N, C-alpha and C. Protein backbone atom coordinates (compact mmCIF):
# COMPACT_ATOMS: atom_id res chain seq x y z
N MET A 1 -18.64 -0.07 -37.84
CA MET A 1 -17.73 0.59 -36.93
C MET A 1 -18.06 0.18 -35.50
N SER A 2 -17.06 -0.18 -34.74
CA SER A 2 -17.22 -0.64 -33.37
C SER A 2 -17.16 0.54 -32.41
N ARG A 3 -18.11 0.57 -31.48
CA ARG A 3 -18.13 1.63 -30.47
C ARG A 3 -17.49 1.12 -29.19
N ARG A 4 -16.76 1.98 -28.53
CA ARG A 4 -16.22 1.64 -27.22
C ARG A 4 -17.32 1.72 -26.19
N PRO A 5 -17.29 0.85 -25.20
CA PRO A 5 -18.30 0.95 -24.15
C PRO A 5 -18.15 2.27 -23.40
N ALA A 6 -19.27 2.81 -22.94
CA ALA A 6 -19.25 4.09 -22.24
C ALA A 6 -18.61 3.96 -20.87
N PHE A 7 -18.62 2.76 -20.31
CA PHE A 7 -18.12 2.55 -18.95
C PHE A 7 -17.30 1.28 -18.93
N SER A 8 -16.09 1.37 -18.43
CA SER A 8 -15.22 0.20 -18.36
C SER A 8 -14.71 0.02 -16.93
N PRO A 9 -15.27 -0.95 -16.19
CA PRO A 9 -14.81 -1.16 -14.81
C PRO A 9 -13.33 -1.49 -14.72
N GLU A 10 -12.84 -2.27 -15.67
CA GLU A 10 -11.42 -2.66 -15.64
C GLU A 10 -10.52 -1.44 -15.79
N GLY A 11 -10.85 -0.60 -16.75
CA GLY A 11 -10.05 0.60 -16.97
C GLY A 11 -10.10 1.56 -15.81
N LEU A 12 -11.28 1.72 -15.23
CA LEU A 12 -11.44 2.62 -14.10
C LEU A 12 -10.69 2.10 -12.88
N THR A 13 -10.78 0.80 -12.61
CA THR A 13 -10.08 0.21 -11.47
C THR A 13 -8.57 0.30 -11.66
N LEU A 14 -8.10 0.03 -12.86
CA LEU A 14 -6.67 0.14 -13.14
C LEU A 14 -6.20 1.58 -12.96
N GLY A 15 -6.98 2.52 -13.46
CA GLY A 15 -6.61 3.93 -13.32
C GLY A 15 -6.53 4.37 -11.87
N PHE A 16 -7.56 4.01 -11.07
CA PHE A 16 -7.55 4.35 -9.65
C PHE A 16 -6.40 3.65 -8.94
N GLY A 17 -6.14 2.42 -9.31
CA GLY A 17 -5.05 1.67 -8.68
C GLY A 17 -3.69 2.31 -8.95
N LEU A 18 -3.47 2.71 -10.19
CA LEU A 18 -2.19 3.35 -10.53
C LEU A 18 -2.03 4.69 -9.82
N ILE A 19 -3.12 5.45 -9.73
CA ILE A 19 -3.06 6.72 -9.01
C ILE A 19 -2.74 6.49 -7.54
N ALA A 20 -3.43 5.50 -6.93
CA ALA A 20 -3.20 5.21 -5.51
C ALA A 20 -1.77 4.77 -5.26
N ILE A 21 -1.23 3.89 -6.10
CA ILE A 21 0.14 3.43 -5.93
C ILE A 21 1.13 4.59 -6.11
N GLY A 22 0.85 5.44 -7.09
CA GLY A 22 1.72 6.61 -7.29
C GLY A 22 1.72 7.55 -6.10
N VAL A 23 0.55 7.81 -5.54
CA VAL A 23 0.46 8.68 -4.36
C VAL A 23 1.17 8.04 -3.17
N LEU A 24 0.93 6.73 -2.96
CA LEU A 24 1.59 6.05 -1.84
C LEU A 24 3.10 6.02 -2.00
N TRP A 25 3.55 5.79 -3.23
CA TRP A 25 4.99 5.75 -3.49
C TRP A 25 5.62 7.12 -3.20
N THR A 26 4.95 8.16 -3.63
CA THR A 26 5.44 9.52 -3.37
C THR A 26 5.50 9.81 -1.88
N LEU A 27 4.42 9.46 -1.17
CA LEU A 27 4.41 9.68 0.28
C LEU A 27 5.48 8.85 0.97
N SER A 28 5.75 7.65 0.46
CA SER A 28 6.81 6.82 1.02
C SER A 28 8.17 7.46 0.81
N ASN A 29 8.39 8.01 -0.37
CA ASN A 29 9.66 8.68 -0.65
C ASN A 29 9.86 9.92 0.21
N LEU A 30 8.75 10.56 0.60
CA LEU A 30 8.83 11.73 1.46
C LEU A 30 8.91 11.36 2.94
N GLY A 31 8.86 10.06 3.24
CA GLY A 31 8.96 9.59 4.61
C GLY A 31 7.67 9.73 5.40
N GLN A 32 6.55 9.87 4.73
CA GLN A 32 5.27 10.06 5.41
C GLN A 32 4.50 8.76 5.65
N VAL A 33 4.77 7.74 4.83
CA VAL A 33 4.00 6.50 4.87
C VAL A 33 4.95 5.32 4.72
N ASP A 34 4.65 4.23 5.43
CA ASP A 34 5.37 2.97 5.23
C ASP A 34 4.66 2.24 4.10
N LEU A 35 5.22 2.25 2.90
CA LEU A 35 4.56 1.75 1.70
C LEU A 35 4.19 0.27 1.80
N LEU A 36 5.12 -0.57 2.21
CA LEU A 36 4.84 -2.00 2.25
C LEU A 36 3.73 -2.32 3.24
N TYR A 37 3.74 -1.69 4.40
CA TYR A 37 2.68 -1.93 5.38
C TYR A 37 1.34 -1.47 4.82
N THR A 38 1.30 -0.30 4.22
CA THR A 38 0.06 0.24 3.67
C THR A 38 -0.50 -0.66 2.59
N LEU A 39 0.34 -1.12 1.66
CA LEU A 39 -0.14 -2.01 0.60
C LEU A 39 -0.59 -3.35 1.16
N ARG A 40 0.13 -3.86 2.15
CA ARG A 40 -0.22 -5.14 2.75
C ARG A 40 -1.59 -5.07 3.43
N VAL A 41 -1.92 -3.94 4.04
CA VAL A 41 -3.18 -3.80 4.76
C VAL A 41 -4.33 -3.44 3.82
N TRP A 42 -4.10 -2.55 2.85
CA TRP A 42 -5.18 -1.97 2.07
C TRP A 42 -5.38 -2.57 0.68
N TRP A 43 -4.60 -3.59 0.25
CA TRP A 43 -4.76 -4.10 -1.12
C TRP A 43 -6.14 -4.70 -1.37
N PRO A 44 -6.83 -5.28 -0.38
CA PRO A 44 -8.17 -5.82 -0.68
C PRO A 44 -9.17 -4.74 -1.11
N LEU A 45 -8.91 -3.50 -0.77
CA LEU A 45 -9.80 -2.41 -1.19
C LEU A 45 -9.90 -2.34 -2.71
N ALA A 46 -8.83 -2.68 -3.42
CA ALA A 46 -8.86 -2.69 -4.89
C ALA A 46 -9.83 -3.74 -5.40
N LEU A 47 -9.87 -4.91 -4.74
CA LEU A 47 -10.82 -5.95 -5.14
C LEU A 47 -12.26 -5.52 -4.87
N ILE A 48 -12.48 -4.87 -3.74
CA ILE A 48 -13.82 -4.38 -3.41
C ILE A 48 -14.27 -3.33 -4.42
N LEU A 49 -13.38 -2.41 -4.76
CA LEU A 49 -13.69 -1.38 -5.75
C LEU A 49 -14.01 -2.01 -7.10
N TRP A 50 -13.20 -2.97 -7.52
CA TRP A 50 -13.42 -3.63 -8.80
C TRP A 50 -14.78 -4.35 -8.81
N GLY A 51 -15.09 -5.07 -7.74
CA GLY A 51 -16.38 -5.76 -7.66
C GLY A 51 -17.55 -4.79 -7.71
N GLY A 52 -17.44 -3.68 -7.00
CA GLY A 52 -18.49 -2.68 -7.03
C GLY A 52 -18.69 -2.10 -8.42
N LEU A 53 -17.59 -1.83 -9.09
CA LEU A 53 -17.69 -1.29 -10.46
C LEU A 53 -18.27 -2.31 -11.43
N GLU A 54 -17.97 -3.58 -11.22
CA GLU A 54 -18.56 -4.62 -12.06
C GLU A 54 -20.08 -4.66 -11.87
N LEU A 55 -20.54 -4.50 -10.62
CA LEU A 55 -21.97 -4.48 -10.36
C LEU A 55 -22.64 -3.27 -11.02
N VAL A 56 -21.98 -2.12 -10.97
CA VAL A 56 -22.51 -0.92 -11.63
C VAL A 56 -22.57 -1.14 -13.13
N ASP A 57 -21.53 -1.73 -13.70
CA ASP A 57 -21.51 -2.01 -15.13
C ASP A 57 -22.64 -2.95 -15.53
N LEU A 58 -22.87 -3.97 -14.71
CA LEU A 58 -23.95 -4.91 -14.98
C LEU A 58 -25.31 -4.20 -14.95
N ALA A 59 -25.51 -3.34 -13.98
CA ALA A 59 -26.77 -2.60 -13.88
C ALA A 59 -26.95 -1.68 -15.09
N ILE A 60 -25.89 -1.04 -15.54
CA ILE A 60 -25.97 -0.15 -16.70
C ILE A 60 -26.31 -0.94 -17.95
N ARG A 61 -25.65 -2.10 -18.12
CA ARG A 61 -25.94 -2.91 -19.31
C ARG A 61 -27.37 -3.45 -19.29
N ARG A 62 -27.85 -3.84 -18.13
CA ARG A 62 -29.23 -4.35 -18.04
C ARG A 62 -30.24 -3.25 -18.33
N SER A 63 -30.00 -2.05 -17.80
CA SER A 63 -30.97 -0.97 -18.03
C SER A 63 -30.94 -0.51 -19.48
N SER A 64 -29.78 -0.55 -20.13
CA SER A 64 -29.72 -0.13 -21.53
C SER A 64 -30.30 -1.18 -22.45
N SER A 65 -30.28 -2.47 -22.04
CA SER A 65 -30.86 -3.50 -22.90
C SER A 65 -32.38 -3.53 -22.80
N ARG A 66 -32.95 -2.96 -21.77
CA ARG A 66 -34.41 -2.90 -21.62
C ARG A 66 -35.03 -1.78 -22.43
N GLU A 67 -34.24 -0.77 -22.75
CA GLU A 67 -34.78 0.35 -23.53
C GLU A 67 -35.01 -0.09 -24.97
N PRO A 68 -36.15 0.35 -25.57
CA PRO A 68 -36.45 -0.05 -26.95
C PRO A 68 -35.56 0.61 -27.96
């Protein structure tokens, strides 16, 4: 039987990304935010978040492989 990994950076980044886009879209529909400008300026934050989560995942895998 195959176990799912306890931590998935891809899934977490996708989830946060979808939530952020949904919130921005809602705020845009309410006239509070310029959606295109916000996405154009802040999209690199998703790459930074993904990279950070990949580093955390690597650290978790390394620490779990050292345990007997």
